[in-house]
N, C-alpha and C. Protein backbone atom coordinates (compact mmCIF):
# COMPACT_ATOMS: atom_id res chain seq x y z
N UNK A 1 20.76 78.60 -54.78
CA UNK A 1 19.37 78.26 -55.02
C UNK A 1 18.51 78.77 -53.87
N UNK A 2 17.26 78.99 -54.13
CA UNK A 2 16.35 79.53 -53.13
C UNK A 2 16.06 78.47 -52.08
N UNK A 3 15.04 77.73 -52.14
CA UNK A 3 14.77 76.77 -51.09
C UNK A 3 14.07 75.55 -51.59
N UNK A 4 12.91 75.74 -52.15
CA UNK A 4 12.08 74.61 -52.52
C UNK A 4 12.59 73.83 -53.71
N UNK A 5 11.96 72.68 -53.90
CA UNK A 5 12.29 71.82 -55.04
C UNK A 5 11.04 71.04 -55.43
N UNK A 6 10.98 70.63 -56.69
CA UNK A 6 9.88 69.80 -57.15
C UNK A 6 10.40 68.66 -58.00
N UNK A 7 9.67 67.58 -57.94
CA UNK A 7 9.85 66.47 -58.87
C UNK A 7 8.59 66.47 -59.72
N UNK A 8 8.77 66.47 -61.02
CA UNK A 8 7.62 66.46 -61.93
C UNK A 8 7.62 65.14 -62.68
N UNK A 9 6.50 64.44 -62.56
CA UNK A 9 6.31 63.16 -63.23
C UNK A 9 5.25 63.38 -64.31
N UNK A 10 5.58 63.01 -65.54
CA UNK A 10 4.59 63.14 -66.62
C UNK A 10 4.35 61.78 -67.24
N UNK A 11 3.10 61.57 -67.67
CA UNK A 11 2.74 60.27 -68.22
C UNK A 11 1.81 60.44 -69.41
N UNK A 12 2.10 59.69 -70.46
CA UNK A 12 1.21 59.58 -71.60
C UNK A 12 0.45 58.27 -71.42
N UNK A 13 -0.85 58.39 -71.22
CA UNK A 13 -1.70 57.23 -70.91
C UNK A 13 -2.25 56.64 -72.20
N UNK A 14 -2.37 55.32 -72.22
CA UNK A 14 -2.94 54.62 -73.37
C UNK A 14 -4.38 55.10 -73.55
N UNK A 15 -4.79 55.50 -74.76
CA UNK A 15 -6.16 55.95 -74.98
C UNK A 15 -7.18 54.92 -74.48
N UNK A 16 -8.19 55.42 -73.77
CA UNK A 16 -9.22 54.56 -73.21
C UNK A 16 -8.89 54.04 -71.82
N UNK A 17 -7.67 54.30 -71.34
CA UNK A 17 -7.24 53.81 -70.02
C UNK A 17 -7.15 54.94 -68.99
N UNK A 18 -7.60 56.15 -69.36
CA UNK A 18 -7.46 57.30 -68.49
C UNK A 18 -8.17 57.13 -67.14
N UNK A 19 -9.38 56.63 -67.17
CA UNK A 19 -10.12 56.46 -65.91
C UNK A 19 -9.43 55.45 -65.00
N UNK A 20 -8.98 54.36 -65.56
CA UNK A 20 -8.28 53.34 -64.78
C UNK A 20 -6.96 53.89 -64.23
N UNK A 21 -6.24 54.68 -65.05
CA UNK A 21 -5.00 55.30 -64.61
C UNK A 21 -5.26 56.25 -63.44
N UNK A 22 -6.28 57.11 -63.57
CA UNK A 22 -6.60 58.05 -62.49
C UNK A 22 -6.97 57.31 -61.21
N UNK A 23 -7.73 56.26 -61.33
CA UNK A 23 -8.14 55.47 -60.15
C UNK A 23 -6.89 54.86 -59.49
N UNK A 24 -6.01 54.26 -60.30
CA UNK A 24 -4.79 53.66 -59.76
C UNK A 24 -3.94 54.73 -59.07
N UNK A 25 -3.75 55.86 -59.73
CA UNK A 25 -2.87 56.91 -59.20
C UNK A 25 -3.45 57.52 -57.92
N UNK A 26 -4.74 57.92 -57.98
CA UNK A 26 -5.37 58.64 -56.86
C UNK A 26 -5.70 57.74 -55.67
N UNK A 27 -6.15 56.53 -55.94
CA UNK A 27 -6.63 55.66 -54.86
C UNK A 27 -5.57 54.68 -54.36
N UNK A 28 -4.54 54.44 -55.15
CA UNK A 28 -3.52 53.47 -54.76
C UNK A 28 -2.14 54.12 -54.59
N UNK A 29 -1.60 54.64 -55.67
CA UNK A 29 -0.20 55.07 -55.69
C UNK A 29 0.07 56.23 -54.72
N UNK A 30 -0.67 57.31 -54.82
CA UNK A 30 -0.42 58.46 -53.95
C UNK A 30 -0.65 58.11 -52.48
N UNK A 31 -1.79 57.50 -52.11
CA UNK A 31 -1.97 57.18 -50.69
C UNK A 31 -0.93 56.20 -50.14
N UNK A 32 -0.51 55.27 -50.97
CA UNK A 32 0.43 54.25 -50.51
C UNK A 32 1.82 54.81 -50.24
N UNK A 33 2.27 55.78 -51.05
CA UNK A 33 3.65 56.23 -50.96
C UNK A 33 3.86 57.66 -50.50
N UNK A 34 2.94 58.59 -50.76
CA UNK A 34 3.25 60.00 -50.54
C UNK A 34 3.50 60.33 -49.07
N UNK A 35 2.80 59.71 -48.15
CA UNK A 35 3.02 60.00 -46.74
C UNK A 35 4.32 59.42 -46.20
N UNK A 36 4.99 58.60 -47.00
CA UNK A 36 6.21 57.94 -46.55
C UNK A 36 7.48 58.57 -47.12
N UNK A 37 7.36 59.48 -48.06
CA UNK A 37 8.54 60.09 -48.66
C UNK A 37 9.06 61.22 -47.77
N UNK A 38 10.31 61.14 -47.34
CA UNK A 38 10.86 62.16 -46.46
C UNK A 38 10.83 63.55 -47.10
N UNK A 39 10.33 64.54 -46.34
CA UNK A 39 10.36 65.92 -46.79
C UNK A 39 9.31 66.32 -47.81
N UNK A 40 8.40 65.41 -48.16
CA UNK A 40 7.37 65.74 -49.16
C UNK A 40 6.32 66.65 -48.54
N UNK A 41 6.09 67.82 -49.17
CA UNK A 41 5.10 68.78 -48.68
C UNK A 41 3.73 68.59 -49.31
N UNK A 42 3.70 68.31 -50.63
CA UNK A 42 2.41 68.19 -51.31
C UNK A 42 2.57 67.41 -52.60
N UNK A 43 1.43 66.88 -53.06
CA UNK A 43 1.34 66.21 -54.35
C UNK A 43 0.13 66.79 -55.07
N UNK A 44 0.34 67.24 -56.30
CA UNK A 44 -0.75 67.77 -57.11
C UNK A 44 -0.69 67.14 -58.49
N UNK A 45 -1.87 66.83 -59.03
CA UNK A 45 -1.94 66.23 -60.36
C UNK A 45 -2.69 67.15 -61.30
N UNK A 46 -2.28 67.11 -62.59
CA UNK A 46 -2.88 67.95 -63.60
C UNK A 46 -3.13 67.14 -64.87
N UNK A 47 -4.12 67.60 -65.64
CA UNK A 47 -4.50 66.94 -66.89
C UNK A 47 -4.74 67.99 -67.96
N UNK A 48 -4.35 67.68 -69.19
CA UNK A 48 -4.63 68.55 -70.32
C UNK A 48 -4.99 67.70 -71.53
N UNK A 49 -6.08 68.04 -72.18
CA UNK A 49 -6.46 67.36 -73.43
C UNK A 49 -5.53 67.74 -74.57
N UNK A 50 -4.90 68.91 -74.46
CA UNK A 50 -4.14 69.46 -75.59
C UNK A 50 -2.63 69.33 -75.45
N UNK A 51 -2.17 68.72 -74.39
CA UNK A 51 -0.72 68.58 -74.20
C UNK A 51 -0.33 67.12 -74.27
N UNK A 52 0.94 66.91 -74.55
CA UNK A 52 1.46 65.56 -74.61
C UNK A 52 2.79 65.54 -73.87
N UNK A 53 2.93 64.83 -72.79
CA UNK A 53 1.95 63.92 -72.22
C UNK A 53 0.81 64.67 -71.54
N UNK A 54 -0.30 63.98 -71.40
CA UNK A 54 -1.49 64.66 -70.91
C UNK A 54 -1.60 64.72 -69.38
N UNK A 55 -0.87 63.89 -68.66
CA UNK A 55 -0.93 63.89 -67.19
C UNK A 55 0.41 64.32 -66.60
N UNK A 56 0.34 65.23 -65.60
CA UNK A 56 1.53 65.69 -64.90
C UNK A 56 1.23 65.66 -63.41
N UNK A 57 2.20 65.17 -62.64
CA UNK A 57 2.10 65.18 -61.19
C UNK A 57 3.30 65.96 -60.65
N UNK A 58 3.02 66.87 -59.71
CA UNK A 58 4.07 67.69 -59.12
C UNK A 58 4.19 67.32 -57.64
N UNK A 59 5.38 66.86 -57.28
CA UNK A 59 5.72 66.54 -55.89
C UNK A 59 6.56 67.68 -55.37
N UNK A 60 6.08 68.37 -54.33
CA UNK A 60 6.77 69.55 -53.82
C UNK A 60 7.52 69.20 -52.53
N UNK A 61 8.79 69.64 -52.48
CA UNK A 61 9.64 69.40 -51.32
C UNK A 61 10.12 70.73 -50.74
N UNK A 62 10.44 70.71 -49.45
CA UNK A 62 10.92 71.90 -48.76
C UNK A 62 12.25 72.38 -49.33
N UNK A 63 13.11 71.43 -49.72
CA UNK A 63 14.43 71.80 -50.23
C UNK A 63 14.90 70.73 -51.22
N UNK A 64 15.94 71.07 -51.98
CA UNK A 64 16.51 70.10 -52.91
C UNK A 64 17.16 68.95 -52.14
N UNK A 65 17.71 69.24 -50.96
CA UNK A 65 18.26 68.16 -50.12
C UNK A 65 17.16 67.18 -49.71
N UNK A 66 15.97 67.69 -49.37
CA UNK A 66 14.85 66.80 -49.04
C UNK A 66 14.46 65.95 -50.24
N UNK A 67 14.46 66.54 -51.42
CA UNK A 67 14.15 65.79 -52.63
C UNK A 67 15.18 64.68 -52.84
N UNK A 68 16.46 64.99 -52.67
CA UNK A 68 17.50 63.97 -52.83
C UNK A 68 17.34 62.84 -51.81
N UNK A 69 17.01 63.20 -50.56
CA UNK A 69 16.79 62.18 -49.53
C UNK A 69 15.60 61.30 -49.89
N UNK A 70 14.54 61.93 -50.38
CA UNK A 70 13.35 61.16 -50.76
C UNK A 70 13.69 60.20 -51.90
N UNK A 71 14.43 60.66 -52.89
CA UNK A 71 14.77 59.80 -54.03
C UNK A 71 15.65 58.62 -53.62
N UNK A 72 16.46 58.81 -52.59
CA UNK A 72 17.34 57.74 -52.12
C UNK A 72 16.64 56.77 -51.17
N UNK A 73 15.43 57.09 -50.76
CA UNK A 73 14.73 56.28 -49.76
C UNK A 73 14.18 54.98 -50.35
N UNK A 74 14.01 54.00 -49.49
CA UNK A 74 13.40 52.73 -49.89
C UNK A 74 11.97 52.95 -50.38
N UNK A 75 11.27 53.92 -49.78
CA UNK A 75 9.90 54.21 -50.18
C UNK A 75 9.85 54.71 -51.62
N UNK A 76 10.81 55.55 -51.99
CA UNK A 76 10.86 56.05 -53.36
C UNK A 76 11.14 54.93 -54.35
N UNK A 77 12.04 54.04 -53.99
CA UNK A 77 12.34 52.91 -54.86
C UNK A 77 11.11 52.02 -55.03
N UNK A 78 10.37 51.79 -53.95
CA UNK A 78 9.14 51.00 -54.05
C UNK A 78 8.09 51.70 -54.88
N UNK A 79 7.97 53.03 -54.73
CA UNK A 79 7.02 53.80 -55.52
C UNK A 79 7.38 53.74 -56.99
N UNK A 80 8.68 53.82 -57.30
CA UNK A 80 9.12 53.72 -58.69
C UNK A 80 8.81 52.37 -59.30
N UNK A 81 9.02 51.31 -58.54
CA UNK A 81 8.69 49.97 -59.03
C UNK A 81 7.20 49.82 -59.24
N UNK A 82 6.42 50.40 -58.33
CA UNK A 82 4.96 50.36 -58.45
C UNK A 82 4.51 51.08 -59.73
N UNK A 83 5.10 52.25 -60.00
CA UNK A 83 4.76 52.99 -61.21
C UNK A 83 5.23 52.25 -62.46
N UNK A 84 6.42 51.66 -62.39
CA UNK A 84 6.92 50.91 -63.54
C UNK A 84 6.02 49.74 -63.91
N UNK A 85 5.33 49.19 -62.92
CA UNK A 85 4.44 48.06 -63.20
C UNK A 85 3.27 48.46 -64.09
N UNK A 86 3.00 49.75 -64.20
CA UNK A 86 1.88 50.23 -65.01
C UNK A 86 2.27 50.56 -66.45
N UNK A 87 3.58 50.69 -66.71
CA UNK A 87 4.03 50.96 -68.08
C UNK A 87 3.68 49.76 -68.95
N UNK A 88 3.04 50.03 -70.05
CA UNK A 88 2.61 48.95 -70.94
C UNK A 88 1.21 48.45 -70.62
N UNK A 89 0.74 48.70 -69.40
CA UNK A 89 -0.61 48.31 -69.00
C UNK A 89 -1.54 49.51 -69.12
N UNK A 90 -1.12 50.64 -68.56
CA UNK A 90 -1.92 51.87 -68.59
C UNK A 90 -1.17 53.03 -69.24
N UNK A 91 0.15 52.99 -69.22
CA UNK A 91 0.97 54.12 -69.63
C UNK A 91 1.81 53.77 -70.86
N UNK A 92 1.75 54.64 -71.88
CA UNK A 92 2.62 54.45 -73.05
C UNK A 92 4.05 54.87 -72.73
N UNK A 93 4.18 55.99 -72.02
CA UNK A 93 5.51 56.47 -71.65
C UNK A 93 5.38 57.39 -70.44
N UNK A 94 6.50 57.55 -69.75
CA UNK A 94 6.53 58.46 -68.60
C UNK A 94 7.96 58.94 -68.40
N UNK A 95 8.08 60.07 -67.68
CA UNK A 95 9.42 60.59 -67.37
C UNK A 95 9.35 61.46 -66.13
N UNK A 96 10.52 61.68 -65.55
CA UNK A 96 10.67 62.49 -64.35
C UNK A 96 11.57 63.67 -64.64
N UNK A 97 11.34 64.77 -63.92
CA UNK A 97 12.23 65.92 -63.94
C UNK A 97 12.40 66.42 -62.52
N UNK A 98 13.58 66.94 -62.19
CA UNK A 98 13.89 67.39 -60.84
C UNK A 98 14.36 68.84 -60.91
N UNK A 99 13.74 69.71 -60.13
CA UNK A 99 13.97 71.15 -60.27
C UNK A 99 14.15 71.82 -58.90
N UNK A 100 15.09 72.76 -58.84
CA UNK A 100 15.29 73.63 -57.68
C UNK A 100 14.61 74.95 -57.96
N UNK A 101 14.01 75.52 -56.93
CA UNK A 101 13.35 76.81 -57.07
C UNK A 101 14.38 77.92 -57.25
N UNK A 102 14.14 78.81 -58.22
CA UNK A 102 15.03 79.95 -58.43
C UNK A 102 14.30 81.29 -58.27
N UNK A 103 12.98 81.26 -58.26
CA UNK A 103 12.19 82.48 -58.08
C UNK A 103 10.86 82.11 -57.43
N UNK A 104 10.34 82.85 -56.50
CA UNK A 104 10.93 84.07 -55.95
C UNK A 104 12.10 83.76 -55.04
N UNK A 105 12.93 84.74 -54.88
CA UNK A 105 14.14 84.57 -54.06
C UNK A 105 13.83 84.80 -52.61
């Protein structure tokens, strides 16, 4: 594998709850946890009216080993519990994907 890795979190938000979801994610969740995850380089969020799920967040790591360390950390477990608390309140469904960079080499 090349070097970098990403964790992609996608969420389908309950209609009418998008503004509250964005506020929770941007003002609470990311500031509370992103600076504490080992090896995390950046967090970017995306939205699409035409895709399902409509919200995607990309967490970029220096390496897949850094991603694994972050996932095993207490901070990651707390962040996951924090996100889980929003399922059923703001989010209809969500999922994670973990990827190693293969290009460019």
